[in-house]
PDB file of N, CA and C in Angstrom:
ATOM      1  N   MET A   1      14.449  -2.157  18.698  1.00  0.00           N
ATOM      2  CA  MET A   1      14.906  -1.881  20.042  1.00  0.00           C
ATOM      3  C   MET A   1      13.964  -2.539  21.064  1.00  0.00           C
ATOM      4  N   LEU A   2      12.672  -2.455  20.769  1.00  0.00           N
ATOM      5  CA  LEU A   2      11.699  -3.084  21.663  1.00  0.00           C
ATOM      6  C   LEU A   2      11.884  -4.603  21.672  1.00  0.00           C
ATOM      7  N   PHE A   3      12.175  -5.170  20.515  1.00  0.00           N
ATOM      8  CA  PHE A   3      12.401  -6.610  20.439  1.00  0.00           C
ATOM      9  C   PHE A   3      13.640  -7.013  21.227  1.00  0.00           C
ATOM     10  N   ALA A   4      14.712  -6.236  21.116  1.00  0.00           N
ATOM     11  CA  ALA A   4      15.980  -6.593  21.752  1.00  0.00           C
ATOM     12  C   ALA A   4      15.977  -6.315  23.249  1.00  0.00           C
ATOM     13  N   ALA A   5      15.390  -5.211  23.668  1.00  0.00           N
ATOM     14  CA  ALA A   5      15.516  -4.803  25.064  1.00  0.00           C
ATOM     15  C   ALA A   5      14.217  -4.866  25.859  1.00  0.00           C
ATOM     16  N   GLY A   6      13.091  -4.965  25.162  1.00  0.00           N
ATOM     17  CA  GLY A   6      11.820  -4.907  25.871  1.00  0.00           C
ATOM     18  C   GLY A   6      11.276  -6.271  26.233  1.00  0.00           C
ATOM     19  N   GLU A   7      10.089  -6.233  26.768  1.00  0.00           N
ATOM     20  CA  GLU A   7       9.410  -7.472  27.138  1.00  0.00           C
ATOM     21  C   GLU A   7       8.779  -8.106  25.899  1.00  0.00           C
ATOM     22  N   PHE A   8       8.718  -9.406  25.890  1.00  0.00           N
ATOM     23  CA  PHE A   8       8.138 -10.123  24.753  1.00  0.00           C
ATOM     24  C   PHE A   8       6.670  -9.745  24.563  1.00  0.00           C
ATOM     25  N   ALA A   9       5.925  -9.579  25.628  1.00  0.00           N
ATOM     26  CA  ALA A   9       4.497  -9.253  25.524  1.00  0.00           C
ATOM     27  C   ALA A   9       4.291  -7.912  24.827  1.00  0.00           C
ATOM     28  N   ARG A  10       5.120  -6.940  25.130  1.00  0.00           N
ATOM     29  CA  ARG A  10       4.993  -5.624  24.483  1.00  0.00           C
ATOM     30  C   ARG A  10       5.363  -5.701  23.004  1.00  0.00           C
ATOM     31  N   TRP A  11       6.427  -6.427  22.700  1.00  0.00           N
ATOM     32  CA  TRP A  11       6.817  -6.588  21.309  1.00  0.00           C
ATOM     33  C   TRP A  11       5.720  -7.318  20.545  1.00  0.00           C
ATOM     34  N   SER A  12       5.163  -8.347  21.132  1.00  0.00           N
ATOM     35  CA  SER A  12       4.107  -9.112  20.485  1.00  0.00           C
ATOM     36  C   SER A  12       2.878  -8.242  20.226  1.00  0.00           C
ATOM     37  N   LEU A  13       2.500  -7.406  21.166  1.00  0.00           N
ATOM     38  CA  LEU A  13       1.385  -6.489  20.991  1.00  0.00           C
ATOM     39  C   LEU A  13       1.657  -5.556  19.814  1.00  0.00           C
ATOM     40  N   LEU A  14       2.840  -4.992  19.761  1.00  0.00           N
ATOM     41  CA  LEU A  14       3.192  -4.086  18.674  1.00  0.00           C
ATOM     42  C   LEU A  14       3.182  -4.819  17.334  1.00  0.00           C
ATOM     43  N   ALA A  15       3.841  -5.960  17.268  1.00  0.00           N
ATOM     44  CA  ALA A  15       3.990  -6.676  16.001  1.00  0.00           C
ATOM     45  C   ALA A  15       2.676  -7.259  15.489  1.00  0.00           C
ATOM     46  N   ASN A  16       1.835  -7.760  16.384  1.00  0.00           N
ATOM     47  CA  ASN A  16       0.646  -8.497  15.960  1.00  0.00           C
ATOM     48  C   ASN A  16      -0.649  -7.700  15.982  1.00  0.00           C
ATOM     49  N   ILE A  17      -0.728  -6.655  16.784  1.00  0.00           N
ATOM     50  CA  ILE A  17      -1.973  -5.899  16.905  1.00  0.00           C
ATOM     51  C   ILE A  17      -1.806  -4.479  16.375  1.00  0.00           C
ATOM     52  N   LEU A  18      -0.857  -3.756  16.909  1.00  0.00           N
ATOM     53  CA  LEU A  18      -0.728  -2.337  16.579  1.00  0.00           C
ATOM     54  C   LEU A  18      -0.244  -2.081  15.155  1.00  0.00           C
ATOM     55  N   THR A  19       0.665  -2.886  14.653  1.00  0.00           N
ATOM     56  CA  THR A  19       1.189  -2.648  13.310  1.00  0.00           C
ATOM     57  C   THR A  19       0.096  -2.733  12.243  1.00  0.00           C
ATOM     58  N   PRO A  20      -0.736  -3.774  12.201  1.00  0.00           N
ATOM     59  CA  PRO A  20      -1.808  -3.788  11.192  1.00  0.00           C
ATOM     60  C   PRO A  20      -2.820  -2.657  11.379  1.00  0.00           C
ATOM     61  N   VAL A  21      -3.153  -2.331  12.619  1.00  0.00           N
ATOM     62  CA  VAL A  21      -4.112  -1.250  12.879  1.00  0.00           C
ATOM     63  C   VAL A  21      -3.532   0.087  12.427  1.00  0.00           C
ATOM     64  N   LEU A  22      -2.284   0.358  12.769  1.00  0.00           N
ATOM     65  CA  LEU A  22      -1.655   1.608  12.363  1.00  0.00           C
ATOM     66  C   LEU A  22      -1.479   1.689  10.850  1.00  0.00           C
ATOM     67  N   THR A  23      -1.146   0.580  10.221  1.00  0.00           N
ATOM     68  CA  THR A  23      -1.004   0.563   8.763  1.00  0.00           C
ATOM     69  C   THR A  23      -2.337   0.901   8.098  1.00  0.00           C
ATOM     70  N   ALA A  24      -3.409   0.276   8.536  1.00  0.00           N
ATOM     71  CA  ALA A  24      -4.736   0.593   7.994  1.00  0.00           C
ATOM     72  C   ALA A  24      -5.089   2.050   8.259  1.00  0.00           C
ATOM     73  N   GLY A  25      -4.754   2.549   9.444  1.00  0.00           N
ATOM     74  CA  GLY A  25      -5.006   3.950   9.766  1.00  0.00           C
ATOM     75  C   GLY A  25      -4.266   4.908   8.849  1.00  0.00           C
ATOM     76  N   PHE A  26      -3.028   4.576   8.503  1.00  0.00           N
ATOM     77  CA  PHE A  26      -2.265   5.414   7.579  1.00  0.00           C
ATOM     78  C   PHE A  26      -2.920   5.442   6.190  1.00  0.00           C
ATOM     79  N   PHE A  27      -3.396   4.294   5.716  1.00  0.00           N
ATOM     80  CA  PHE A  27      -4.060   4.269   4.410  1.00  0.00           C
ATOM     81  C   PHE A  27      -5.340   5.107   4.435  1.00  0.00           C
ATOM     82  N   VAL A  28      -6.137   4.973   5.477  1.00  0.00           N
ATOM     83  CA  VAL A  28      -7.366   5.756   5.593  1.00  0.00           C
ATOM     84  C   VAL A  28      -7.033   7.240   5.699  1.00  0.00           C
ATOM     85  N   GLY A  29      -6.045   7.573   6.519  1.00  0.00           N
ATOM     86  CA  GLY A  29      -5.635   8.973   6.666  1.00  0.00           C
ATOM     87  C   GLY A  29      -5.138   9.555   5.356  1.00  0.00           C
ATOM     88  N   GLU A  30      -4.342   8.791   4.626  1.00  0.00           N
ATOM     89  CA  GLU A  30      -3.825   9.263   3.335  1.00  0.00           C
ATOM     90  C   GLU A  30      -4.960   9.503   2.358  1.00  0.00           C
ATOM     91  N   TYR A  31      -5.945   8.616   2.336  1.00  0.00           N
ATOM     92  CA  TYR A  31      -7.104   8.791   1.467  1.00  0.00           C
ATOM     93  C   TYR A  31      -7.865  10.066   1.837  1.00  0.00           C
ATOM     94  N   LEU A  32      -8.097  10.278   3.113  1.00  0.00           N
ATOM     95  CA  LEU A  32      -8.842  11.459   3.558  1.00  0.00           C
ATOM     96  C   LEU A  32      -8.097  12.754   3.248  1.00  0.00           C
ATOM     97  N   VAL A  33      -6.785  12.760   3.435  1.00  0.00           N
ATOM     98  CA  VAL A  33      -5.996  13.958   3.126  1.00  0.00           C
ATOM     99  C   VAL A  33      -6.044  14.249   1.633  1.00  0.00           C
ATOM    100  N   ARG A  34      -5.900  13.218   0.805  1.00  0.00           N
ATOM    101  CA  ARG A  34      -5.992  13.418  -0.646  1.00  0.00           C
ATOM    102  C   ARG A  34      -7.363  13.948  -1.029  1.00  0.00           C
ATOM    103  N   TYR A  35      -8.401  13.400  -0.443  1.00  0.00           N
ATOM    104  CA  TYR A  35      -9.766  13.826  -0.755  1.00  0.00           C
ATOM    105  C   TYR A  35      -9.974  15.282  -0.343  1.00  0.00           C
ATOM    106  N   TRP A  36      -9.406  15.665   0.787  1.00  0.00           N
ATOM    107  CA  TRP A  36      -9.558  17.024   1.306  1.00  0.00           C
ATOM    108  C   TRP A  36      -8.721  18.017   0.510  1.00  0.00           C
ATOM    109  N   LEU A  37      -7.488  17.669   0.177  1.00  0.00           N
ATOM    110  CA  LEU A  37      -6.598  18.593  -0.528  1.00  0.00           C
ATOM    111  C   LEU A  37      -6.889  18.674  -2.023  1.00  0.00           C
ATOM    112  N   HIS A  38      -7.418  17.610  -2.614  1.00  0.00           N
ATOM    113  CA  HIS A  38      -7.646  17.570  -4.051  1.00  0.00           C
ATOM    114  C   HIS A  38      -9.073  17.098  -4.358  1.00  0.00           C
ATOM    115  N   PRO A  39     -10.080  17.898  -4.018  1.00  0.00           N
ATOM    116  CA  PRO A  39     -11.459  17.448  -4.232  1.00  0.00           C
ATOM    117  C   PRO A  39     -11.840  17.354  -5.708  1.00  0.00           C
ATOM    118  N   ASP A  40     -11.084  17.999  -6.605  1.00  0.00           N
ATOM    119  CA  ASP A  40     -11.438  17.992  -8.022  1.00  0.00           C
ATOM    120  C   ASP A  40     -10.886  16.788  -8.779  1.00  0.00           C
ATOM    121  N   PHE A  41      -9.992  16.024  -8.176  1.00  0.00           N
ATOM    122  CA  PHE A  41      -9.407  14.874  -8.862  1.00  0.00           C
ATOM    123  C   PHE A  41     -10.470  13.808  -9.097  1.00  0.00           C
ATOM    124  N   GLU A  42     -10.348  13.152 -10.249  1.00  0.00           N
ATOM    125  CA  GLU A  42     -11.276  12.074 -10.573  1.00  0.00           C
ATOM    126  C   GLU A  42     -11.033  10.883  -9.640  1.00  0.00           C
ATOM    127  N   ARG A  43     -12.084  10.301  -9.141  1.00  0.00           N
ATOM    128  CA  ARG A  43     -11.982   9.146  -8.253  1.00  0.00           C
ATOM    129  C   ARG A  43     -12.182   7.876  -9.067  1.00  0.00           C
ATOM    130  N   VAL A  44     -11.342   6.886  -8.834  1.00  0.00           N
ATOM    131  CA  VAL A  44     -11.478   5.599  -9.515  1.00  0.00           C
ATOM    132  C   VAL A  44     -11.470   4.498  -8.465  1.00  0.00           C
ATOM    133  N   SER A  45     -12.070   3.387  -8.851  1.00  0.00           N
ATOM    134  CA  SER A  45     -12.095   2.239  -7.947  1.00  0.00           C
ATOM    135  C   SER A  45     -10.788   1.471  -8.059  1.00  0.00           C
ATOM    136  N   LEU A  46     -10.558   0.569  -7.143  1.00  0.00           N
ATOM    137  CA  LEU A  46      -9.377  -0.281  -7.188  1.00  0.00           C
ATOM    138  C   LEU A  46      -9.380  -1.121  -8.463  1.00  0.00           C
ATOM    139  N   GLN A  47     -10.550  -1.604  -8.866  1.00  0.00           N
ATOM    140  CA  GLN A  47     -10.646  -2.398 -10.083  1.00  0.00           C
ATOM    141  C   GLN A  47     -10.254  -1.568 -11.302  1.00  0.00           C
ATOM    142  N   GLN A  48     -10.694  -0.318 -11.383  1.00  0.00           N
ATOM    143  CA  GLN A  48     -10.326   0.546 -12.501  1.00  0.00           C
ATOM    144  C   GLN A  48      -8.826   0.832 -12.510  1.00  0.00           C
ATOM    145  N   ALA A  49      -8.245   1.012 -11.339  1.00  0.00           N
ATOM    146  CA  ALA A  49      -6.807   1.259 -11.254  1.00  0.00           C
ATOM    147  C   ALA A  49      -6.023   0.040 -11.727  1.00  0.00           C
ATOM    148  N   LEU A  50      -6.443  -1.157 -11.353  1.00  0.00           N
ATOM    149  CA  LEU A  50      -5.773  -2.380 -11.793  1.00  0.00           C
ATOM    150  C   LEU A  50      -5.916  -2.585 -13.297  1.00  0.00           C
ATOM    151  N   GLN A  51      -7.088  -2.272 -13.847  1.00  0.00           N
ATOM    152  CA  GLN A  51      -7.284  -2.399 -15.288  1.00  0.00           C
ATOM    153  C   GLN A  51      -6.378  -1.419 -16.039  1.00  0.00           C
ATOM    154  N   ALA A  52      -6.237  -0.200 -15.545  1.00  0.00           N
ATOM    155  CA  ALA A  52      -5.353   0.780 -16.182  1.00  0.00           C
ATOM    156  C   ALA A  52      -3.907   0.312 -16.113  1.00  0.00           C
ATOM    157  N   TYR A  53      -3.518  -0.248 -14.992  1.00  0.00           N
ATOM    158  CA  TYR A  53      -2.153  -0.766 -14.845  1.00  0.00           C
ATOM    159  C   TYR A  53      -1.899  -1.895 -15.838  1.00  0.00           C
ATOM    160  N   ARG A  54      -2.844  -2.803 -15.936  1.00  0.00           N
ATOM    161  CA  ARG A  54      -2.679  -3.937 -16.845  1.00  0.00           C
ATOM    162  C   ARG A  54      -2.677  -3.507 -18.303  1.00  0.00           C
ATOM    163  N   SER A  55      -3.471  -2.502 -18.654  1.00  0.00           N
ATOM    164  CA  SER A  55      -3.544  -2.075 -20.049  1.00  0.00           C
ATOM    165  C   SER A  55      -2.265  -1.362 -20.485  1.00  0.00           C
ATOM    166  N   HIS A  56      -1.492  -0.843 -19.559  1.00  0.00           N
ATOM    167  CA  HIS A  56      -0.232  -0.171 -19.881  1.00  0.00           C
ATOM    168  C   HIS A  56       0.966  -0.973 -19.393  1.00  0.00           C
ATOM    169  N   GLY A  57       0.751  -2.219 -19.063  1.00  0.00           N
ATOM    170  CA  GLY A  57       1.800  -3.053 -18.486  1.00  0.00           C
ATOM    171  C   GLY A  57       2.642  -3.753 -19.533  1.00  0.00           C
ATOM    172  N   VAL A  58       3.211  -4.824 -19.141  1.00  0.00           N
ATOM    173  CA  VAL A  58       4.112  -5.625 -19.961  1.00  0.00           C
ATOM    174  C   VAL A  58       3.279  -6.472 -20.914  1.00  0.00           C
ATOM    175  N   PRO A  59       3.690  -6.590 -22.191  1.00  0.00           N
ATOM    176  CA  PRO A  59       2.950  -7.436 -23.133  1.00  0.00           C
ATOM    177  C   PRO A  59       2.864  -8.887 -22.651  1.00  0.00           C
ATOM    178  N   ALA A  60       1.856  -9.590 -23.100  1.00  0.00           N
ATOM    179  CA  ALA A  60       1.648 -10.977 -22.695  1.00  0.00           C
ATOM    180  C   ALA A  60       2.853 -11.832 -23.079  1.00  0.00           C
ATOM    181  N   GLY A  61       3.198 -12.751 -22.211  1.00  0.00           N
ATOM    182  CA  GLY A  61       4.312 -13.642 -22.472  1.00  0.00           C
ATOM    183  C   GLY A  61       5.655 -13.111 -22.022  1.00  0.00           C
ATOM    184  N   ARG A  62       5.701 -11.888 -21.542  1.00  0.00           N
ATOM    185  CA  ARG A  62       6.965 -11.308 -21.063  1.00  0.00           C
ATOM    186  C   ARG A  62       6.840 -11.030 -19.576  1.00  0.00           C
ATOM    187  N   THR A  63       7.941 -11.055 -18.896  1.00  0.00           N
ATOM    188  CA  THR A  63       7.950 -10.748 -17.471  1.00  0.00           C
ATOM    189  C   THR A  63       8.397  -9.310 -17.277  1.00  0.00           C
ATOM    190  N   PRO A  64       8.107  -8.694 -16.139  1.00  0.00           N
ATOM    191  CA  PRO A  64       8.598  -7.335 -15.883  1.00  0.00           C
ATOM    192  C   PRO A  64      10.119  -7.236 -15.978  1.00  0.00           C
ATOM    193  N   GLN A  65      10.829  -8.316 -15.643  1.00  0.00           N
ATOM    194  CA  GLN A  65      12.288  -8.294 -15.742  1.00  0.00           C
ATOM    195  C   GLN A  65      12.723  -8.193 -17.201  1.00  0.00           C
ATOM    196  N   ASP A  66      12.008  -8.874 -18.114  1.00  0.00           N
ATOM    197  CA  ASP A  66      12.321  -8.790 -19.540  1.00  0.00           C
ATOM    198  C   ASP A  66      12.129  -7.371 -20.048  1.00  0.00           C
ATOM    199  N   ALA A  67      11.073  -6.718 -19.601  1.00  0.00           N
ATOM    200  CA  ALA A  67      10.784  -5.367 -20.067  1.00  0.00           C
ATOM    201  C   ALA A  67      11.832  -4.368 -19.591  1.00  0.00           C
ATOM    202  N   SER A  68      12.382  -4.595 -18.418  1.00  0.00           N
ATOM    203  CA  SER A  68      13.370  -3.648 -17.895  1.00  0.00           C
ATOM    204  C   SER A  68      14.717  -3.788 -18.615  1.00  0.00           C
ATOM    205  N   ARG A  69      14.941  -4.905 -19.292  1.00  0.00           N
ATOM    206  CA  ARG A  69      16.215  -5.117 -20.007  1.00  0.00           C
ATOM    207  C   ARG A  69      16.224  -4.453 -21.375  1.00  0.00           C
ATOM    208  N   THR A  70      15.036  -4.109 -21.891  1.00  0.00           N
ATOM    209  CA  THR A  70      14.988  -3.517 -23.231  1.00  0.00           C
ATOM    210  C   THR A  70      15.032  -2.021 -23.175  1.00  0.00           C
TER     211      THR A  70
END
């Protein structure tokens, strides 16, 4: 609606500045809420999460689309 009816400068501010800042804020807020609501959960790094994903992922040589067909 802002793009269609508003000023270009306001739309540009929203699209180029506010959207990335708000997105980062949501990720930080979500992390803090999880930490506050579930302090007993084990914490893992991004690298550990990626390794766990890869270890339970699709076998080598196959694509995710191949795995969904079986």
